[in-house]
């Protein structure tokens, strides 16, 4: 049988078939669209009913998650190559997104304009995110990398336990347990009391 739309020979699956399967699908979509346009109320009612009956399908989501994880495990190297290529092609957009998300986090934890909670340093390049309880190493194991922490903080709605410090204060706190600025403040408070 020859398709009446594309003139390609195809194998008939029913007696009154005039089109190949590809053309039949296209024509059916066009007919449904025309019908929906002329019967808007009925079409919207039909769509609402469909979404009401199919809105809770957790099995499909669970299956797709399981499939995605399984696929990733078996195609890890291909995935990494694709992501690397994508990042190279979209370097500018990725950098802009990282800057924007970092700025959102800095403003949330330290105010606008952002500044160090210890010494008041306000150069953006010098500011960093500090884990108040000194559990940064453990936390970084659960988050992919240092650049991902901003995304993580935004995703989890800015949890407590973080502050903004300049790199000097942050490193001093990490190495010595306390920043020299804090030591100086404590000495001044003790002198004022005495």
C-alpha atoms as a PDB file:
ATOM      1  CA  UNK A   1       0.000   0.000   0.000  1.00  0.00           C
ATOM      2  CA  UNK A   2       1.212   3.566  -0.750  1.00  0.00           C
ATOM      3  CA  UNK A   3       0.741   6.351   1.802  1.00  0.00           C
ATOM      4  CA  UNK A   4      -1.582   9.114   0.536  1.00  0.00           C
ATOM      5  CA  UNK A   5       0.479  11.770   2.324  1.00  0.00           C
ATOM      6  CA  UNK A   6       4.165  10.946   1.719  1.00  0.00           C
ATOM      7  CA  UNK A   7       3.842   8.435  -1.210  1.00  0.00           C
ATOM      8  CA  UNK A   8       6.032   5.860   0.521  1.00  0.00           C
ATOM      9  CA  UNK A   9       5.085   2.185   0.380  1.00  0.00           C
ATOM     10  CA  UNK A  10       4.063   0.693   3.735  1.00  0.00           C
ATOM     11  CA  UNK A  11       2.567  -2.488   5.133  1.00  0.00           C
ATOM     12  CA  UNK A  12      -1.135  -2.232   5.929  1.00  0.00           C
ATOM     13  CA  UNK A  13      -2.203  -3.113   9.484  1.00  0.00           C
ATOM     14  CA  UNK A  14      -5.950  -2.477   9.084  1.00  0.00           C
ATOM     15  CA  UNK A  15      -8.459  -2.552   6.220  1.00  0.00           C
ATOM     16  CA  UNK A  16      -9.212   1.191   5.998  1.00  0.00           C
ATOM     17  CA  UNK A  17      -5.621   2.419   6.534  1.00  0.00           C
ATOM     18  CA  UNK A  18      -4.644   5.199   4.105  1.00  0.00           C
ATOM     19  CA  UNK A  19      -1.436   6.491   5.709  1.00  0.00           C
ATOM     20  CA  UNK A  20       1.849   5.056   6.974  1.00  0.00           C
ATOM     21  CA  UNK A  21       2.302   5.033  10.779  1.00  0.00           C
ATOM     22  CA  UNK A  22       4.383   8.263  10.843  1.00  0.00           C
ATOM     23  CA  UNK A  23       1.937  10.254   8.706  1.00  0.00           C
ATOM     24  CA  UNK A  24      -0.990   8.747  10.608  1.00  0.00           C
ATOM     25  CA  UNK A  25       0.444  10.005  13.910  1.00  0.00           C
ATOM     26  CA  UNK A  26       0.986  13.505  12.465  1.00  0.00           C
ATOM     27  CA  UNK A  27      -2.539  13.655  11.035  1.00  0.00           C
ATOM     28  CA  UNK A  28      -4.015  12.392  14.311  1.00  0.00           C
ATOM     29  CA  UNK A  29      -2.181  15.119  16.268  1.00  0.00           C
ATOM     30  CA  UNK A  30      -3.465  17.761  13.835  1.00  0.00           C
ATOM     31  CA  UNK A  31      -7.038  16.459  14.136  1.00  0.00           C
ATOM     32  CA  UNK A  32      -6.844  16.452  17.955  1.00  0.00           C
ATOM     33  CA  UNK A  33      -5.463  19.999  17.925  1.00  0.00           C
ATOM     34  CA  UNK A  34      -8.263  21.214  15.597  1.00  0.00           C
ATOM     35  CA  UNK A  35     -10.857  19.455  17.736  1.00  0.00           C
ATOM     36  CA  UNK A  36      -9.417  20.998  20.913  1.00  0.00           C
ATOM     37  CA  UNK A  37      -9.534  24.461  19.324  1.00  0.00           C
ATOM     38  CA  UNK A  38     -13.181  24.127  18.335  1.00  0.00           C
ATOM     39  CA  UNK A  39     -14.216  22.398  21.579  1.00  0.00           C
ATOM     40  CA  UNK A  40     -12.104  24.311  24.126  1.00  0.00           C
ATOM     41  CA  UNK A  41     -14.313  23.720  27.172  1.00  0.00           C
ATOM     42  CA  UNK A  42     -14.593  19.999  26.516  1.00  0.00           C
ATOM     43  CA  UNK A  43     -10.845  19.712  25.841  1.00  0.00           C
ATOM     44  CA  UNK A  44      -9.903  21.559  29.041  1.00  0.00           C
ATOM     45  CA  UNK A  45     -12.323  19.374  31.024  1.00  0.00           C
ATOM     46  CA  UNK A  46     -10.778  16.249  29.480  1.00  0.00           C
ATOM     47  CA  UNK A  47      -7.252  17.465  30.345  1.00  0.00           C
ATOM     48  CA  UNK A  48      -8.269  18.302  33.933  1.00  0.00           C
ATOM     49  CA  UNK A  49      -9.789  14.846  34.372  1.00  0.00           C
ATOM     50  CA  UNK A  50      -6.636  13.225  32.999  1.00  0.00           C
ATOM     51  CA  UNK A  51      -4.365  15.177  35.362  1.00  0.00           C
ATOM     52  CA  UNK A  52      -6.657  14.456  38.333  1.00  0.00           C
ATOM     53  CA  UNK A  53      -6.491  10.712  37.705  1.00  0.00           C
ATOM     54  CA  UNK A  54      -2.759  10.661  36.894  1.00  0.00           C
ATOM     55  CA  UNK A  55      -1.366  13.293  39.277  1.00  0.00           C
ATOM     56  CA  UNK A  56      -0.017  10.793  41.805  1.00  0.00           C
ATOM     57  CA  UNK A  57       2.163   8.275  40.041  1.00  0.00           C
ATOM     58  CA  UNK A  58       5.083   7.688  42.398  1.00  0.00           C
ATOM     59  CA  UNK A  59       5.930   4.356  40.770  1.00  0.00           C
ATOM     60  CA  UNK A  60       6.908   6.095  37.540  1.00  0.00           C
ATOM     61  CA  UNK A  61       9.132   8.567  39.402  1.00  0.00           C
ATOM     62  CA  UNK A  62      10.775   5.814  41.462  1.00  0.00           C
ATOM     63  CA  UNK A  63      11.354   3.744  38.333  1.00  0.00           C
ATOM     64  CA  UNK A  64      12.903   6.644  36.419  1.00  0.00           C
ATOM     65  CA  UNK A  65      15.179   7.457  39.381  1.00  0.00           C
ATOM     66  CA  UNK A  66      16.280   3.817  39.639  1.00  0.00           C
ATOM     67  CA  UNK A  67      16.814   3.670  35.881  1.00  0.00           C
ATOM     68  CA  UNK A  68      18.800   6.918  35.899  1.00  0.00           C
ATOM     69  CA  UNK A  69      21.083   5.672  38.678  1.00  0.00           C
ATOM     70  CA  UNK A  70      21.544   2.332  36.943  1.00  0.00           C
ATOM     71  CA  UNK A  71      22.290   4.035  33.612  1.00  0.00           C
ATOM     72  CA  UNK A  72      24.753   6.421  35.281  1.00  0.00           C
ATOM     73  CA  UNK A  73      26.620   3.568  36.943  1.00  0.00           C
ATOM     74  CA  UNK A  74      27.012   1.682  33.666  1.00  0.00           C
ATOM     75  CA  UNK A  75      27.815   4.785  31.562  1.00  0.00           C
ATOM     76  CA  UNK A  76      29.759   6.881  34.078  1.00  0.00           C
ATOM     77  CA  UNK A  77      32.663   7.755  31.764  1.00  0.00           C
ATOM     78  CA  UNK A  78      30.355   8.771  28.884  1.00  0.00           C
ATOM     79  CA  UNK A  79      28.342  10.946  31.266  1.00  0.00           C
ATOM     80  CA  UNK A  80      31.479  12.676  32.558  1.00  0.00           C
ATOM     81  CA  UNK A  81      32.673  13.314  28.991  1.00  0.00           C
ATOM     82  CA  UNK A  82      29.281  14.793  28.005  1.00  0.00           C
ATOM     83  CA  UNK A  83      29.209  17.012  31.101  1.00  0.00           C
ATOM     84  CA  UNK A  84      32.790  18.161  30.522  1.00  0.00           C
ATOM     85  CA  UNK A  85      31.963  19.035  26.914  1.00  0.00           C
ATOM     86  CA  UNK A  86      28.780  20.863  27.977  1.00  0.00           C
ATOM     87  CA  UNK A  87      30.662  22.880  30.627  1.00  0.00           C
ATOM     88  CA  UNK A  88      33.301  23.849  28.066  1.00  0.00           C
ATOM     89  CA  UNK A  89      30.610  24.992  25.620  1.00  0.00           C
ATOM     90  CA  UNK A  90      28.710  26.930  28.320  1.00  0.00           C
ATOM     91  CA  UNK A  91      31.663  28.250  30.346  1.00  0.00           C
ATOM     92  CA  UNK A  92      30.357  31.816  30.486  1.00  0.00           C
ATOM     93  CA  UNK A  93      26.847  30.831  31.635  1.00  0.00           C
ATOM     94  CA  UNK A  94      28.241  28.456  34.283  1.00  0.00           C
ATOM     95  CA  UNK A  95      30.525  31.197  35.673  1.00  0.00           C
ATOM     96  CA  UNK A  96      27.627  33.688  35.742  1.00  0.00           C
ATOM     97  CA  UNK A  97      25.400  31.189  37.557  1.00  0.00           C
ATOM     98  CA  UNK A  98      28.123  30.444  40.119  1.00  0.00           C
ATOM     99  CA  UNK A  99      28.696  34.177  40.733  1.00  0.00           C
ATOM    100  CA  UNK A 100      24.972  34.815  41.116  1.00  0.00           C
ATOM    101  CA  UNK A 101      24.379  31.925  43.536  1.00  0.00           C
ATOM    102  CA  UNK A 102      27.493  32.839  45.584  1.00  0.00           C
ATOM    103  CA  UNK A 103      26.285  36.444  45.862  1.00  0.00           C
ATOM    104  CA  UNK A 104      22.822  35.261  47.020  1.00  0.00           C
ATOM    105  CA  UNK A 105      24.443  33.169  49.769  1.00  0.00           C
ATOM    106  CA  UNK A 106      26.817  35.950  50.849  1.00  0.00           C
ATOM    107  CA  UNK A 107      23.946  38.444  51.101  1.00  0.00           C
ATOM    108  CA  UNK A 108      21.727  35.999  52.977  1.00  0.00           C
ATOM    109  CA  UNK A 109      24.306  35.175  55.653  1.00  0.00           C
ATOM    110  CA  UNK A 110      25.937  38.604  56.065  1.00  0.00           C
ATOM    111  CA  UNK A 111      23.602  41.280  54.733  1.00  0.00           C
ATOM    112  CA  UNK A 112      23.823  43.637  51.785  1.00  0.00           C
ATOM    113  CA  UNK A 113      26.613  44.501  51.025  1.00  0.00           C
ATOM    114  CA  UNK A 114      28.286  41.275  52.207  1.00  0.00           C
ATOM    115  CA  UNK A 115      31.093  41.531  54.766  1.00  0.00           C
ATOM    116  CA  UNK A 116      33.169  39.387  57.115  1.00  0.00           C
ATOM    117  CA  UNK A 117      31.390  38.675  60.412  1.00  0.00           C
ATOM    118  CA  UNK A 118      34.694  38.994  62.281  1.00  0.00           C
ATOM    119  CA  UNK A 119      36.713  41.894  60.820  1.00  0.00           C
ATOM    120  CA  UNK A 120      34.218  43.596  58.481  1.00  0.00           C
ATOM    121  CA  UNK A 121      36.202  42.942  55.251  1.00  0.00           C
ATOM    122  CA  UNK A 122      33.876  43.720  52.320  1.00  0.00           C
ATOM    123  CA  UNK A 123      35.870  42.800  49.176  1.00  0.00           C
ATOM    124  CA  UNK A 124      33.825  39.998  47.595  1.00  0.00           C
ATOM    125  CA  UNK A 125      36.941  38.191  46.380  1.00  0.00           C
ATOM    126  CA  UNK A 126      38.164  37.792  49.976  1.00  0.00           C
ATOM    127  CA  UNK A 127      34.914  36.427  51.454  1.00  0.00           C
ATOM    128  CA  UNK A 128      34.200  32.761  52.133  1.00  0.00           C
ATOM    129  CA  UNK A 129      31.507  30.587  53.676  1.00  0.00           C
ATOM    130  CA  UNK A 130      32.416  29.304  57.141  1.00  0.00           C
ATOM    131  CA  UNK A 131      30.948  26.348  59.012  1.00  0.00           C
ATOM    132  CA  UNK A 132      30.386  27.803  62.495  1.00  0.00           C
ATOM    133  CA  UNK A 133      30.803  24.400  64.211  1.00  0.00           C
ATOM    134  CA  UNK A 134      34.063  23.631  62.332  1.00  0.00           C
ATOM    135  CA  UNK A 135      32.490  20.630  60.577  1.00  0.00           C
ATOM    136  CA  UNK A 136      33.315  21.778  57.043  1.00  0.00           C
ATOM    137  CA  UNK A 137      35.451  18.765  56.117  1.00  0.00           C
ATOM    138  CA  UNK A 138      32.626  16.353  56.989  1.00  0.00           C
ATOM    139  CA  UNK A 139      30.086  18.490  55.154  1.00  0.00           C
ATOM    140  CA  UNK A 140      32.220  18.734  51.998  1.00  0.00           C
ATOM    141  CA  UNK A 141      32.259  14.921  51.813  1.00  0.00           C
ATOM    142  CA  UNK A 142      28.477  14.922  51.387  1.00  0.00           C
ATOM    143  CA  UNK A 143      28.464  17.855  48.941  1.00  0.00           C
ATOM    144  CA  UNK A 144      30.261  17.220  45.620  1.00  0.00           C
ATOM    145  CA  UNK A 145      32.787  20.080  45.792  1.00  0.00           C
ATOM    146  CA  UNK A 146      33.475  23.518  47.194  1.00  0.00           C
ATOM    147  CA  UNK A 147      31.676  25.264  44.335  1.00  0.00           C
ATOM    148  CA  UNK A 148      28.582  23.167  44.991  1.00  0.00           C
ATOM    149  CA  UNK A 149      28.110  24.449  48.547  1.00  0.00           C
ATOM    150  CA  UNK A 150      26.288  27.585  47.377  1.00  0.00           C
ATOM    151  CA  UNK A 151      23.829  25.462  45.398  1.00  0.00           C
ATOM    152  CA  UNK A 152      23.398  23.194  48.409  1.00  0.00           C
ATOM    153  CA  UNK A 153      22.696  26.137  50.757  1.00  0.00           C
ATOM    154  CA  UNK A 154      20.107  27.583  48.354  1.00  0.00           C
ATOM    155  CA  UNK A 155      18.491  24.178  47.763  1.00  0.00           C
ATOM    156  CA  UNK A 156      18.100  23.555  51.519  1.00  0.00           C
ATOM    157  CA  UNK A 157      16.785  27.069  52.153  1.00  0.00           C
ATOM    158  CA  UNK A 158      19.834  28.556  53.877  1.00  0.00           C
ATOM    159  CA  UNK A 159      20.189  26.351  56.979  1.00  0.00           C
ATOM    160  CA  UNK A 160      21.744  27.725  60.159  1.00  0.00           C
ATOM    161  CA  UNK A 161      25.324  26.873  61.128  1.00  0.00           C
ATOM    162  CA  UNK A 162      27.033  29.032  58.494  1.00  0.00           C
ATOM    163  CA  UNK A 163      28.525  32.516  58.471  1.00  0.00           C
ATOM    164  CA  UNK A 164      30.555  34.685  56.123  1.00  0.00           C
ATOM    165  CA  UNK A 165      34.217  35.266  57.021  1.00  0.00           C
ATOM    166  CA  UNK A 166      37.132  36.621  55.010  1.00  0.00           C
ATOM    167  CA  UNK A 167      39.707  34.001  54.054  1.00  0.00           C
ATOM    168  CA  UNK A 168      42.172  35.267  56.701  1.00  0.00           C
ATOM    169  CA  UNK A 169      39.673  34.943  59.547  1.00  0.00           C
ATOM    170  CA  UNK A 170      38.405  31.615  58.221  1.00  0.00           C
ATOM    171  CA  UNK A 171      41.915  30.136  57.948  1.00  0.00           C
ATOM    172  CA  UNK A 172      42.913  31.447  61.395  1.00  0.00           C
ATOM    173  CA  UNK A 173      39.799  29.891  62.883  1.00  0.00           C
ATOM    174  CA  UNK A 174      40.568  26.604  61.132  1.00  0.00           C
ATOM    175  CA  UNK A 175      44.266  26.432  62.082  1.00  0.00           C
ATOM    176  CA  UNK A 176      44.254  28.011  65.531  1.00  0.00           C
ATOM    177  CA  UNK A 177      40.668  27.549  66.689  1.00  0.00           C
ATOM    178  CA  UNK A 178      40.118  31.315  67.009  1.00  0.00           C
ATOM    179  CA  UNK A 179      40.720  34.379  64.858  1.00  0.00           C
ATOM    180  CA  UNK A 180      43.261  37.011  66.102  1.00  0.00           C
ATOM    181  CA  UNK A 181      40.517  39.629  65.813  1.00  0.00           C
ATOM    182  CA  UNK A 182      38.399  37.640  68.260  1.00  0.00           C
ATOM    183  CA  UNK A 183      41.366  37.272  70.640  1.00  0.00           C
ATOM    184  CA  UNK A 184      41.916  41.049  70.530  1.00  0.00           C
ATOM    185  CA  UNK A 185      38.214  41.682  71.217  1.00  0.00           C
ATOM    186  CA  UNK A 186      38.293  39.318  74.206  1.00  0.00           C
ATOM    187  CA  UNK A 187      41.383  41.073  75.604  1.00  0.00           C
ATOM    188  CA  UNK A 188      39.678  44.482  75.260  1.00  0.00           C
ATOM    189  CA  UNK A 189      36.548  43.181  77.018  1.00  0.00           C
ATOM    190  CA  UNK A 190      38.658  41.749  79.862  1.00  0.00           C
ATOM    191  CA  UNK A 191      40.551  45.049  80.210  1.00  0.00           C
ATOM    192  CA  UNK A 192      37.280  47.008  80.277  1.00  0.00           C
ATOM    193  CA  UNK A 193      35.919  44.776  83.033  1.00  0.00           C
ATOM    194  CA  UNK A 194      39.086  45.139  85.132  1.00  0.00           C
END
